Amino acid sequence: MGKVESKAKSPSKNKKNNTNDLQLLLKNRFNEISNGRSTIDKPTFFEYTDLTICPQLQSLIFDALSKPENIIRMERFVDFAEMILGDSSQQAKVLLQLYQPIKKIIEGVIFSFFKCEQLDPESAILLVDFLMEGIPLQLDLFSLSNFMQSQIILSTIIKHISELVFIRPQDSTKLLPQVSRNSLLTPAALCLIYANLPEELRDRWRLLFSRTDK
């Protein structure tokens, strides 16, 4: 009996195709920001990310991408983006490579998320404090990666704002449902609700008895 060849692609081939697709998106985004030039300078990077992330995170990312020339080149842009859009271990490695206090990094991430989601920023510090309570005292790649696996909201937020910066336009779908400013639930509470939902439901939920302001 002859051997029947499977038409299904191997997992390794699918992974390679996905990697190539992502790299193409990242290169296109680089060319969009740089206006076809070979480098991105600081004013240009800040202009293109101004509506997405807060100044603190803008500085952290630009400094990480631009050393030692103070300009961003495509290869570094793509490498950094692939890691920050990766799993929690890759994200943890990027955060450590920023060489900044972890609280400063988390503040930049959370306040940027509240900015791009157009959330009331008053409760942002509550979410920062909640996350900082669980940060390991001895911070290394292993401990930070484990922490991010246990606090899925941080990894999810990092990936969400990174997609806005490195891939998608800034009018993309928001991660959280919008609520009125008079809601009993703060944006920080919404983040924790999101993180504790089953993965298959995180993009398919809405709040009852709530509305957006008109």
N, C-alpha and C. Protein backbone atom coordinates (compact mmCIF):
# COMPACT_ATOMS: atom_id res chain seq x y z
N MET A 1 0.86 -1.19 0.00
CA MET A 1 0.00 0.00 0.00
C MET A 1 0.89 1.24 0.00
N GLY A 2 0.64 2.11 -0.94
CA GLY A 2 1.50 3.28 -1.08
C GLY A 2 1.33 4.26 0.07
N LYS A 3 2.38 5.02 0.31
CA LYS A 3 2.37 6.02 1.39
C LYS A 3 1.62 7.26 0.93
N VAL A 4 0.67 7.68 1.70
CA VAL A 4 -0.12 8.86 1.37
C VAL A 4 0.54 10.08 1.98
N GLU A 5 0.86 11.07 1.16
CA GLU A 5 1.50 12.28 1.65
C GLU A 5 0.46 13.22 2.24
N SER A 6 0.76 13.76 3.37
CA SER A 6 -0.13 14.71 4.01
C SER A 6 0.03 16.08 3.38
N LYS A 7 -1.10 16.74 3.13
CA LYS A 7 -1.06 18.08 2.56
C LYS A 7 -0.91 19.15 3.64
N ALA A 8 -1.06 18.72 4.88
CA ALA A 8 -0.95 19.69 5.98
C ALA A 8 0.49 20.14 6.14
N LYS A 9 0.68 21.41 6.39
CA LYS A 9 2.02 21.95 6.60
C LYS A 9 2.54 21.53 7.96
N SER A 10 3.83 21.29 8.05
CA SER A 10 4.44 20.93 9.32
C SER A 10 4.42 22.14 10.25
N PRO A 11 4.40 21.89 11.58
CA PRO A 11 4.42 23.01 12.53
C PRO A 11 5.61 23.93 12.34
N SER A 12 6.77 23.35 12.02
CA SER A 12 7.97 24.17 11.86
C SER A 12 7.84 25.10 10.65
N LYS A 13 7.19 24.60 9.58
CA LYS A 13 7.01 25.42 8.39
C LYS A 13 6.01 26.54 8.66
N ASN A 14 4.94 26.20 9.40
CA ASN A 14 3.96 27.23 9.76
C ASN A 14 4.60 28.31 10.61
N LYS A 15 5.45 27.89 11.56
CA LYS A 15 6.11 28.85 12.44
C LYS A 15 7.03 29.77 11.64
N LYS A 16 7.73 29.19 10.66
CA LYS A 16 8.62 29.99 9.82
C LYS A 16 7.83 31.00 9.00
N ASN A 17 6.69 30.55 8.45
CA ASN A 17 5.85 31.46 7.67
C ASN A 17 5.30 32.60 8.53
N ASN A 18 4.89 32.26 9.76
CA ASN A 18 4.39 33.28 10.68
C ASN A 18 5.47 34.29 11.02
N THR A 19 6.69 33.80 11.22
CA THR A 19 7.82 34.68 11.52
C THR A 19 8.09 35.62 10.36
N ASN A 20 8.07 35.08 9.15
CA ASN A 20 8.30 35.90 7.96
C ASN A 20 7.21 36.96 7.79
N ASP A 21 5.96 36.57 8.07
CA ASP A 21 4.85 37.52 7.97
C ASP A 21 5.01 38.65 8.97
N LEU A 22 5.39 38.30 10.20
CA LEU A 22 5.58 39.31 11.24
C LEU A 22 6.71 40.25 10.87
N GLN A 23 7.82 39.70 10.40
CA GLN A 23 8.95 40.54 10.02
C GLN A 23 8.58 41.51 8.90
N LEU A 24 7.75 41.06 7.97
CA LEU A 24 7.30 41.93 6.88
C LEU A 24 6.46 43.08 7.43
N LEU A 25 5.55 42.77 8.36
CA LEU A 25 4.74 43.81 8.98
C LEU A 25 5.61 44.83 9.72
N LEU A 26 6.61 44.34 10.42
CA LEU A 26 7.49 45.22 11.18
C LEU A 26 8.33 46.10 10.27
N LYS A 27 8.81 45.52 9.19
CA LYS A 27 9.60 46.31 8.23
C LYS A 27 8.74 47.38 7.56
N ASN A 28 7.51 47.02 7.25
CA ASN A 28 6.59 48.00 6.66
C ASN A 28 6.30 49.14 7.63
N ARG A 29 6.15 48.78 8.90
CA ARG A 29 5.90 49.81 9.92
C ARG A 29 7.12 50.72 10.08
N PHE A 30 8.32 50.13 10.04
CA PHE A 30 9.54 50.94 10.12
C PHE A 30 9.59 51.93 8.97
N ASN A 31 9.32 51.45 7.77
CA ASN A 31 9.36 52.33 6.59
C ASN A 31 8.29 53.42 6.66
N GLU A 32 7.15 53.08 7.26
CA GLU A 32 6.09 54.08 7.44
C GLU A 32 6.54 55.19 8.38
N ILE A 33 7.14 54.80 9.50
CA ILE A 33 7.59 55.78 10.49
C ILE A 33 8.75 56.60 9.95
N SER A 34 9.70 55.93 9.29
CA SER A 34 10.91 56.62 8.81
C SER A 34 10.68 57.36 7.50
N ASN A 35 9.48 57.18 6.91
CA ASN A 35 9.18 57.79 5.61
C ASN A 35 10.16 57.33 4.54
N GLY A 36 10.51 56.03 4.61
CA GLY A 36 11.38 55.43 3.61
C GLY A 36 12.86 55.61 3.84
N ARG A 37 13.22 56.32 4.90
CA ARG A 37 14.65 56.50 5.20
C ARG A 37 15.20 55.28 5.93
N SER A 38 16.51 55.22 6.05
CA SER A 38 17.15 54.04 6.65
C SER A 38 17.20 54.09 8.17
N THR A 39 16.88 55.24 8.76
CA THR A 39 16.91 55.39 10.21
C THR A 39 15.72 56.21 10.70
N ILE A 40 15.45 56.08 12.00
CA ILE A 40 14.41 56.87 12.67
C ILE A 40 15.09 57.67 13.77
N ASP A 41 14.92 58.98 13.75
CA ASP A 41 15.52 59.80 14.81
C ASP A 41 14.50 60.00 15.95
N LYS A 42 14.94 60.63 17.01
CA LYS A 42 14.11 60.77 18.21
C LYS A 42 12.84 61.58 17.96
N PRO A 43 12.92 62.77 17.33
CA PRO A 43 11.68 63.53 17.10
C PRO A 43 10.65 62.75 16.28
N THR A 44 11.12 62.00 15.29
CA THR A 44 10.20 61.22 14.46
C THR A 44 9.54 60.12 15.26
N PHE A 45 10.32 59.40 16.06
CA PHE A 45 9.77 58.31 16.87
C PHE A 45 8.75 58.85 17.86
N PHE A 46 9.07 59.97 18.50
CA PHE A 46 8.15 60.54 19.48
C PHE A 46 6.87 61.03 18.81
N GLU A 47 7.00 61.58 17.62
CA GLU A 47 5.81 62.06 16.90
C GLU A 47 4.86 60.91 16.58
N TYR A 48 5.40 59.79 16.13
CA TYR A 48 4.57 58.67 15.71
C TYR A 48 4.00 57.88 16.88
N THR A 49 4.58 58.01 18.06
CA THR A 49 4.10 57.25 19.21
C THR A 49 3.42 58.13 20.25
N ASP A 50 3.26 59.40 19.95
CA ASP A 50 2.75 60.36 20.93
C ASP A 50 1.33 60.02 21.38
N LEU A 51 0.49 59.52 20.49
CA LEU A 51 -0.89 59.22 20.84
C LEU A 51 -1.06 57.85 21.46
N THR A 52 0.00 57.06 21.46
CA THR A 52 -0.09 55.67 21.90
C THR A 52 0.50 55.43 23.28
N ILE A 53 1.68 55.95 23.53
CA ILE A 53 2.37 55.68 24.79
C ILE A 53 2.80 56.98 25.46
N CYS A 54 3.01 56.90 26.76
CA CYS A 54 3.36 58.09 27.53
C CYS A 54 4.84 58.44 27.33
N PRO A 55 5.23 59.68 27.62
CA PRO A 55 6.62 60.11 27.39
C PRO A 55 7.65 59.23 28.10
N GLN A 56 7.32 58.75 29.29
CA GLN A 56 8.26 57.90 30.03
C GLN A 56 8.59 56.64 29.25
N LEU A 57 7.57 55.98 28.69
CA LEU A 57 7.81 54.76 27.93
C LEU A 57 8.43 55.08 26.57
N GLN A 58 8.06 56.21 25.98
CA GLN A 58 8.70 56.63 24.73
C GLN A 58 10.22 56.70 24.91
N SER A 59 10.64 57.32 25.98
CA SER A 59 12.08 57.48 26.24
C SER A 59 12.75 56.13 26.49
N LEU A 60 12.10 55.26 27.26
CA LEU A 60 12.67 53.95 27.56
C LEU A 60 12.87 53.14 26.28
N ILE A 61 11.85 53.13 25.42
CA ILE A 61 11.95 52.35 24.19
C ILE A 61 12.96 52.95 23.23
N PHE A 62 12.91 54.27 23.05
CA PHE A 62 13.85 54.89 22.11
C PHE A 62 15.29 54.68 22.56
N ASP A 63 15.56 54.86 23.84
CA ASP A 63 16.92 54.66 24.34
C ASP A 63 17.39 53.24 24.11
N ALA A 64 16.50 52.26 24.30
CA ALA A 64 16.87 50.86 24.10
C ALA A 64 17.14 50.56 22.63
N LEU A 65 16.36 51.18 21.74
CA LEU A 65 16.49 50.90 20.31
C LEU A 65 17.61 51.67 19.63
N SER A 66 17.98 52.81 20.18
CA SER A 66 18.86 53.73 19.44
C SER A 66 20.33 53.67 19.82
N LYS A 67 20.66 52.97 20.90
CA LYS A 67 22.07 52.92 21.32
C LYS A 67 22.88 52.13 20.31
N PRO A 68 24.13 52.53 20.05
CA PRO A 68 24.85 53.68 20.62
C PRO A 68 24.79 54.93 19.74
N GLU A 69 24.06 54.87 18.61
CA GLU A 69 24.12 55.95 17.62
C GLU A 69 23.07 57.04 17.83
N ASN A 70 22.12 56.79 18.73
CA ASN A 70 21.01 57.71 18.97
C ASN A 70 20.06 57.80 17.77
N ILE A 71 20.03 56.75 16.98
CA ILE A 71 19.07 56.60 15.89
C ILE A 71 18.64 55.13 15.85
N ILE A 72 17.45 54.89 15.33
CA ILE A 72 16.93 53.52 15.25
C ILE A 72 17.11 52.99 13.84
N ARG A 73 17.72 51.83 13.73
CA ARG A 73 17.87 51.16 12.43
C ARG A 73 16.87 50.01 12.33
N MET A 74 16.54 49.62 11.10
CA MET A 74 15.50 48.63 10.88
C MET A 74 15.78 47.31 11.59
N GLU A 75 17.00 46.81 11.52
CA GLU A 75 17.31 45.52 12.12
C GLU A 75 17.02 45.51 13.62
N ARG A 76 17.44 46.58 14.29
CA ARG A 76 17.20 46.66 15.73
C ARG A 76 15.72 46.82 16.03
N PHE A 77 15.02 47.59 15.22
CA PHE A 77 13.58 47.80 15.36
C PHE A 77 12.85 46.46 15.27
N VAL A 78 13.19 45.66 14.27
CA VAL A 78 12.53 44.36 14.05
C VAL A 78 12.87 43.39 15.17
N ASP A 79 14.14 43.31 15.56
CA ASP A 79 14.56 42.37 16.61
C ASP A 79 13.86 42.68 17.94
N PHE A 80 13.83 43.95 18.30
CA PHE A 80 13.20 44.36 19.55
C PHE A 80 11.70 44.05 19.52
N ALA A 81 11.05 44.40 18.41
CA ALA A 81 9.61 44.19 18.30
C ALA A 81 9.25 42.71 18.36
N GLU A 82 10.03 41.86 17.70
CA GLU A 82 9.76 40.42 17.74
C GLU A 82 9.80 39.89 19.16
N MET A 83 10.73 40.38 19.96
CA MET A 83 10.85 39.91 21.34
C MET A 83 9.72 40.45 22.22
N ILE A 84 9.42 41.73 22.11
CA ILE A 84 8.40 42.32 22.97
C ILE A 84 7.01 41.81 22.61
N LEU A 85 6.84 41.33 21.38
CA LEU A 85 5.57 40.74 20.95
C LEU A 85 5.53 39.23 21.18
N GLY A 86 6.59 38.70 21.78
CA GLY A 86 6.70 37.26 22.00
C GLY A 86 6.04 36.81 23.29
N ASP A 87 6.51 35.68 23.82
CA ASP A 87 5.93 35.14 25.05
C ASP A 87 6.48 35.86 26.27
N SER A 88 6.04 35.45 27.45
CA SER A 88 6.41 36.15 28.67
C SER A 88 7.90 36.10 28.94
N SER A 89 8.56 35.02 28.53
CA SER A 89 10.00 34.91 28.73
C SER A 89 10.75 35.93 27.86
N GLN A 90 10.32 36.07 26.62
CA GLN A 90 10.94 37.05 25.73
C GLN A 90 10.67 38.48 26.21
N GLN A 91 9.44 38.72 26.65
CA GLN A 91 9.11 40.04 27.17
C GLN A 91 9.94 40.38 28.41
N ALA A 92 10.11 39.40 29.30
CA ALA A 92 10.91 39.62 30.50
C ALA A 92 12.35 39.97 30.15
N LYS A 93 12.88 39.31 29.14
CA LYS A 93 14.25 39.60 28.69
C LYS A 93 14.37 41.04 28.20
N VAL A 94 13.37 41.51 27.46
CA VAL A 94 13.37 42.89 26.97
C VAL A 94 13.32 43.87 28.14
N LEU A 95 12.44 43.62 29.10
CA LEU A 95 12.31 44.53 30.24
C LEU A 95 13.63 44.64 31.00
N LEU A 96 14.32 43.53 31.18
CA LEU A 96 15.60 43.57 31.88
C LEU A 96 16.66 44.31 31.07
N GLN A 97 16.56 44.23 29.74
CA GLN A 97 17.53 44.90 28.88
C GLN A 97 17.32 46.41 28.81
N LEU A 98 16.21 46.89 29.38
CA LEU A 98 16.00 48.34 29.44
C LEU A 98 16.90 48.98 30.51
N TYR A 99 17.40 48.15 31.43
CA TYR A 99 18.33 48.61 32.47
C TYR A 99 17.79 49.80 33.25
N GLN A 100 16.53 49.68 33.66
CA GLN A 100 15.87 50.70 34.47
C GLN A 100 15.17 50.02 35.63
N PRO A 101 14.89 50.75 36.71
CA PRO A 101 14.12 50.16 37.82
C PRO A 101 12.80 49.59 37.32
N ILE A 102 12.46 48.41 37.79
CA ILE A 102 11.28 47.72 37.27
C ILE A 102 10.00 48.52 37.51
N LYS A 103 9.93 49.27 38.62
CA LYS A 103 8.73 50.07 38.88
C LYS A 103 8.59 51.16 37.82
N LYS A 104 9.68 51.77 37.42
CA LYS A 104 9.64 52.81 36.39
C LYS A 104 9.13 52.23 35.08
N ILE A 105 9.55 51.02 34.76
CA ILE A 105 9.11 50.36 33.52
C ILE A 105 7.62 50.04 33.59
N ILE A 106 7.19 49.45 34.71
CA ILE A 106 5.79 49.08 34.85
C ILE A 106 4.89 50.31 34.84
N GLU A 107 5.32 51.39 35.48
CA GLU A 107 4.56 52.64 35.44
C GLU A 107 4.40 53.12 34.00
N GLY A 108 5.48 53.08 33.23
CA GLY A 108 5.40 53.50 31.84
C GLY A 108 4.45 52.65 31.03
N VAL A 109 4.47 51.34 31.27
CA VAL A 109 3.59 50.41 30.55
C VAL A 109 2.13 50.66 30.92
N ILE A 110 1.83 50.73 32.21
CA ILE A 110 0.44 50.87 32.66
C ILE A 110 -0.14 52.22 32.27
N PHE A 111 0.60 53.30 32.47
CA PHE A 111 0.08 54.62 32.11
C PHE A 111 -0.08 54.75 30.59
N SER A 112 0.78 54.09 29.83
CA SER A 112 0.62 54.09 28.37
C SER A 112 -0.64 53.35 27.96
N PHE A 113 -0.90 52.23 28.63
CA PHE A 113 -2.11 51.46 28.33
C PHE A 113 -3.36 52.28 28.63
N PHE A 114 -3.38 52.96 29.77
CA PHE A 114 -4.52 53.79 30.10
C PHE A 114 -4.67 54.92 29.07
N LYS A 115 -3.56 55.41 28.56
CA LYS A 115 -3.60 56.49 27.57
C LYS A 115 -4.19 55.99 26.25
N CYS A 116 -3.69 54.88 25.73
CA CYS A 116 -4.17 54.41 24.43
C CYS A 116 -5.59 53.86 24.50
N GLU A 117 -6.01 53.39 25.69
CA GLU A 117 -7.39 52.92 25.86
C GLU A 117 -8.35 54.05 26.23
N GLN A 118 -7.79 55.25 26.44
CA GLN A 118 -8.58 56.41 26.84
C GLN A 118 -9.35 56.14 28.13
N LEU A 119 -8.64 55.58 29.10
CA LEU A 119 -9.21 55.28 30.41
C LEU A 119 -8.88 56.39 31.40
N ASP A 120 -9.73 56.54 32.40
CA ASP A 120 -9.47 57.50 33.46
C ASP A 120 -8.16 57.10 34.16
N PRO A 121 -7.15 57.96 34.15
CA PRO A 121 -5.83 57.58 34.67
C PRO A 121 -5.73 57.52 36.19
N GLU A 122 -6.78 57.93 36.90
CA GLU A 122 -6.69 58.02 38.35
C GLU A 122 -6.36 56.68 39.01
N SER A 123 -6.88 55.58 38.46
CA SER A 123 -6.66 54.28 39.09
C SER A 123 -5.44 53.56 38.54
N ALA A 124 -4.72 54.18 37.61
CA ALA A 124 -3.55 53.51 37.03
C ALA A 124 -2.52 53.15 38.09
N ILE A 125 -2.31 54.04 39.04
CA ILE A 125 -1.31 53.79 40.08
C ILE A 125 -1.72 52.61 40.96
N LEU A 126 -3.04 52.37 41.09
CA LEU A 126 -3.51 51.22 41.86
C LEU A 126 -3.08 49.92 41.20
N LEU A 127 -3.16 49.88 39.88
CA LEU A 127 -2.74 48.68 39.16
C LEU A 127 -1.22 48.52 39.24
N VAL A 128 -0.49 49.63 39.17
CA VAL A 128 0.97 49.58 39.33
C VAL A 128 1.32 49.01 40.70
N ASP A 129 0.67 49.52 41.74
CA ASP A 129 0.94 49.05 43.10
C ASP A 129 0.61 47.57 43.26
N PHE A 130 -0.51 47.14 42.65
CA PHE A 130 -0.89 45.73 42.71
C PHE A 130 0.18 44.85 42.09
N LEU A 131 0.67 45.24 40.94
CA LEU A 131 1.70 44.45 40.26
C LEU A 131 3.01 44.47 41.03
N MET A 132 3.38 45.62 41.58
CA MET A 132 4.64 45.73 42.31
C MET A 132 4.66 44.87 43.57
N GLU A 133 3.49 44.62 44.16
CA GLU A 133 3.43 43.79 45.36
C GLU A 133 3.93 42.37 45.08
N GLY A 134 3.77 41.91 43.85
CA GLY A 134 4.17 40.55 43.53
C GLY A 134 5.53 40.42 42.85
N ILE A 135 6.19 41.55 42.59
CA ILE A 135 7.49 41.51 41.92
C ILE A 135 8.52 40.82 42.82
N PRO A 136 9.26 39.84 42.29
CA PRO A 136 10.28 39.16 43.10
C PRO A 136 11.37 40.12 43.58
N LEU A 137 11.86 39.89 44.79
CA LEU A 137 12.93 40.73 45.32
C LEU A 137 14.22 40.53 44.54
N GLN A 138 14.53 39.27 44.22
CA GLN A 138 15.70 38.95 43.40
C GLN A 138 15.24 38.85 41.96
N LEU A 139 15.46 39.91 41.22
CA LEU A 139 14.90 39.99 39.87
C LEU A 139 15.91 39.50 38.84
N ASP A 140 15.57 38.40 38.17
CA ASP A 140 16.37 37.90 37.06
C ASP A 140 15.41 37.38 36.00
N LEU A 141 15.95 36.85 34.92
CA LEU A 141 15.10 36.42 33.81
C LEU A 141 14.11 35.35 34.25
N PHE A 142 14.56 34.39 35.04
CA PHE A 142 13.70 33.29 35.46
C PHE A 142 12.56 33.79 36.35
N SER A 143 12.90 34.60 37.36
CA SER A 143 11.87 35.06 38.30
C SER A 143 10.89 36.03 37.65
N LEU A 144 11.40 36.92 36.79
CA LEU A 144 10.51 37.88 36.13
C LEU A 144 9.60 37.18 35.13
N SER A 145 10.14 36.19 34.41
CA SER A 145 9.33 35.43 33.47
C SER A 145 8.22 34.68 34.19
N ASN A 146 8.54 34.06 35.32
CA ASN A 146 7.52 33.36 36.11
C ASN A 146 6.46 34.32 36.63
N PHE A 147 6.90 35.50 37.05
CA PHE A 147 5.94 36.50 37.54
C PHE A 147 4.98 36.91 36.43
N MET A 148 5.50 37.14 35.25
CA MET A 148 4.65 37.57 34.14
C MET A 148 3.70 36.47 33.69
N GLN A 149 4.11 35.22 33.85
CA GLN A 149 3.20 34.12 33.55
C GLN A 149 2.06 34.05 34.56
N SER A 150 2.35 34.43 35.80
CA SER A 150 1.32 34.38 36.85
C SER A 150 0.42 35.62 36.82
N GLN A 151 0.95 36.74 36.32
CA GLN A 151 0.16 37.97 36.20
C GLN A 151 -0.03 38.27 34.71
N ILE A 152 -0.97 37.56 34.11
CA ILE A 152 -1.14 37.62 32.66
C ILE A 152 -1.50 39.01 32.18
N ILE A 153 -2.07 39.84 33.06
CA ILE A 153 -2.48 41.17 32.63
C ILE A 153 -1.28 42.00 32.19
N LEU A 154 -0.14 41.87 32.86
CA LEU A 154 1.04 42.65 32.48
C LEU A 154 1.54 42.25 31.10
N SER A 155 1.67 40.95 30.87
CA SER A 155 2.12 40.46 29.57
C SER A 155 1.15 40.86 28.46
N THR A 156 -0.15 40.80 28.76
CA THR A 156 -1.18 41.15 27.77
C THR A 156 -1.11 42.63 27.42
N ILE A 157 -0.96 43.48 28.45
CA ILE A 157 -0.89 44.92 28.21
C ILE A 157 0.36 45.28 27.41
N ILE A 158 1.49 44.67 27.76
CA ILE A 158 2.73 44.93 27.01
C ILE A 158 2.55 44.58 25.54
N LYS A 159 1.96 43.42 25.28
CA LYS A 159 1.76 43.01 23.89
C LYS A 159 0.79 43.93 23.17
N HIS A 160 -0.26 44.35 23.86
CA HIS A 160 -1.28 45.21 23.24
C HIS A 160 -0.69 46.55 22.81
N ILE A 161 0.02 47.22 23.70
CA ILE A 161 0.56 48.53 23.33
C ILE A 161 1.73 48.38 22.36
N SER A 162 2.44 47.25 22.42
CA SER A 162 3.53 47.01 21.46
C SER A 162 2.99 46.81 20.06
N GLU A 163 1.84 46.15 19.95
CA GLU A 163 1.20 46.00 18.63
C GLU A 163 0.81 47.35 18.06
N LEU A 164 0.33 48.25 18.91
CA LEU A 164 -0.04 49.58 18.44
C LEU A 164 1.18 50.36 17.95
N VAL A 165 2.30 50.19 18.65
CA VAL A 165 3.52 50.92 18.27
C VAL A 165 4.17 50.31 17.05
N PHE A 166 4.30 48.99 17.03
CA PHE A 166 5.14 48.34 16.02
C PHE A 166 4.38 47.75 14.84
N ILE A 167 3.05 47.63 14.93
CA ILE A 167 2.32 46.98 13.84
C ILE A 167 1.11 47.78 13.38
N ARG A 168 0.15 47.97 14.28
CA ARG A 168 -1.16 48.43 13.86
C ARG A 168 -1.30 49.94 13.96
N PRO A 169 -2.26 50.50 13.21
CA PRO A 169 -2.56 51.93 13.35
C PRO A 169 -3.17 52.20 14.72
N GLN A 170 -3.24 53.47 15.08
CA GLN A 170 -3.62 53.83 16.43
C GLN A 170 -5.12 53.88 16.68
N ASP A 171 -5.93 53.55 15.67
CA ASP A 171 -7.38 53.52 15.88
C ASP A 171 -7.88 52.08 16.02
N SER A 172 -7.00 51.20 16.49
CA SER A 172 -7.33 49.78 16.59
C SER A 172 -8.35 49.52 17.70
N THR A 173 -8.91 48.31 17.68
CA THR A 173 -9.89 47.91 18.68
C THR A 173 -9.29 47.97 20.08
N LYS A 174 -10.08 48.45 21.02
CA LYS A 174 -9.61 48.55 22.39
C LYS A 174 -9.71 47.20 23.09
N LEU A 175 -8.87 47.01 24.08
CA LEU A 175 -8.80 45.74 24.79
C LEU A 175 -9.94 45.59 25.79
N LEU A 176 -10.30 46.68 26.47
CA LEU A 176 -11.31 46.64 27.53
C LEU A 176 -12.61 47.30 27.08
N PRO A 177 -13.74 46.86 27.63
CA PRO A 177 -15.01 47.54 27.33
C PRO A 177 -15.00 48.94 27.93
N GLN A 178 -15.62 49.87 27.25
CA GLN A 178 -15.66 51.24 27.74
C GLN A 178 -16.82 51.41 28.73
N VAL A 179 -16.56 52.13 29.81
CA VAL A 179 -17.59 52.35 30.83
C VAL A 179 -17.69 53.84 31.12
N SER A 180 -18.77 54.23 31.76
CA SER A 180 -18.94 55.62 32.13
C SER A 180 -18.00 55.98 33.28
N ARG A 181 -17.72 57.25 33.42
CA ARG A 181 -16.85 57.71 34.50
C ARG A 181 -17.50 57.50 35.87
N ASN A 182 -18.82 57.26 35.87
CA ASN A 182 -19.53 57.05 37.13
C ASN A 182 -19.64 55.57 37.50
N SER A 183 -19.01 54.71 36.74
CA SER A 183 -19.08 53.27 37.01
C SER A 183 -18.45 52.95 38.36
N LEU A 184 -19.00 51.93 39.02
CA LEU A 184 -18.42 51.46 40.28
C LEU A 184 -17.09 50.76 40.06
N LEU A 185 -16.87 50.29 38.84
CA LEU A 185 -15.63 49.59 38.52
C LEU A 185 -14.60 50.57 37.95
N THR A 186 -13.44 50.61 38.55
CA THR A 186 -12.36 51.43 38.01
C THR A 186 -11.71 50.71 36.84
N PRO A 187 -11.00 51.45 35.97
CA PRO A 187 -10.25 50.78 34.90
C PRO A 187 -9.27 49.74 35.43
N ALA A 188 -8.66 50.00 36.58
CA ALA A 188 -7.75 49.01 37.17
C ALA A 188 -8.50 47.72 37.50
N ALA A 189 -9.72 47.84 38.02
CA ALA A 189 -10.53 46.66 38.32
C ALA A 189 -10.90 45.91 37.04
N LEU A 190 -11.21 46.65 35.97
CA LEU A 190 -11.52 46.01 34.69
C LEU A 190 -10.35 45.19 34.19
N CYS A 191 -9.14 45.71 34.37
CA CYS A 191 -7.94 44.98 33.95
C CYS A 191 -7.83 43.65 34.68
N LEU A 192 -8.11 43.65 35.97
CA LEU A 192 -8.00 42.42 36.75
C LEU A 192 -9.12 41.45 36.41
N ILE A 193 -10.32 41.96 36.11
CA ILE A 193 -11.40 41.09 35.65
C ILE A 193 -10.99 40.41 34.35
N TYR A 194 -10.47 41.21 33.42
CA TYR A 194 -10.01 40.67 32.14
C TYR A 194 -9.00 39.56 32.35
N ALA A 195 -8.04 39.79 33.24
CA ALA A 195 -6.95 38.83 33.44
C ALA A 195 -7.43 37.53 34.05
N ASN A 196 -8.55 37.57 34.78
CA ASN A 196 -9.04 36.36 35.45
C ASN A 196 -10.12 35.62 34.68
N LEU A 197 -10.47 36.14 33.51
CA LEU A 197 -11.41 35.42 32.65
C LEU A 197 -10.69 34.28 31.93
N PRO A 198 -11.41 33.21 31.58
CA PRO A 198 -10.81 32.18 30.72
C PRO A 198 -10.32 32.80 29.41
N GLU A 199 -9.22 32.31 28.89
CA GLU A 199 -8.59 32.92 27.72
C GLU A 199 -9.56 33.07 26.56
N GLU A 200 -10.42 32.07 26.36
CA GLU A 200 -11.31 32.10 25.20
C GLU A 200 -12.42 33.15 25.35
N LEU A 201 -12.58 33.71 26.55
CA LEU A 201 -13.63 34.70 26.77
C LEU A 201 -13.11 36.13 26.88
N ARG A 202 -11.81 36.31 26.90
CA ARG A 202 -11.25 37.64 27.16
C ARG A 202 -11.61 38.67 26.10
N ASP A 203 -11.85 38.23 24.89
CA ASP A 203 -12.21 39.16 23.82
C ASP A 203 -13.70 39.15 23.53
N ARG A 204 -14.49 38.50 24.40
CA ARG A 204 -15.92 38.33 24.10
C ARG A 204 -16.77 38.61 25.33
N TRP A 205 -16.48 39.69 26.01
CA TRP A 205 -17.27 40.00 27.20
C TRP A 205 -17.63 41.47 27.22
N ARG A 206 -18.67 41.78 27.95
CA ARG A 206 -19.07 43.17 28.12
C ARG A 206 -19.69 43.32 29.51
N LEU A 207 -19.76 44.55 29.97
CA LEU A 207 -20.32 44.82 31.29
C LEU A 207 -21.82 45.07 31.19
N LEU A 208 -22.57 44.50 32.11
CA LEU A 208 -23.98 44.82 32.22
C LEU A 208 -24.14 46.03 33.14
N PHE A 209 -25.21 46.77 32.95
CA PHE A 209 -25.52 47.93 33.79
C PHE A 209 -24.41 48.98 33.74
N SER A 210 -23.86 49.17 32.57
CA SER A 210 -22.84 50.20 32.40
C SER A 210 -23.01 50.79 31.02
N ARG A 211 -22.55 52.01 30.86
CA ARG A 211 -22.66 52.66 29.56
C ARG A 211 -21.53 53.66 29.43
N THR A 212 -21.24 54.04 28.22
CA THR A 212 -20.26 55.09 28.01
C THR A 212 -20.94 56.44 28.13
N ASP A 213 -20.18 57.45 28.52
CA ASP A 213 -20.74 58.80 28.61
C ASP A 213 -21.05 59.34 27.23
N LYS A 214 -22.12 60.08 27.12
CA LYS A 214 -22.49 60.70 25.84
C LYS A 214 -22.08 62.16 25.85
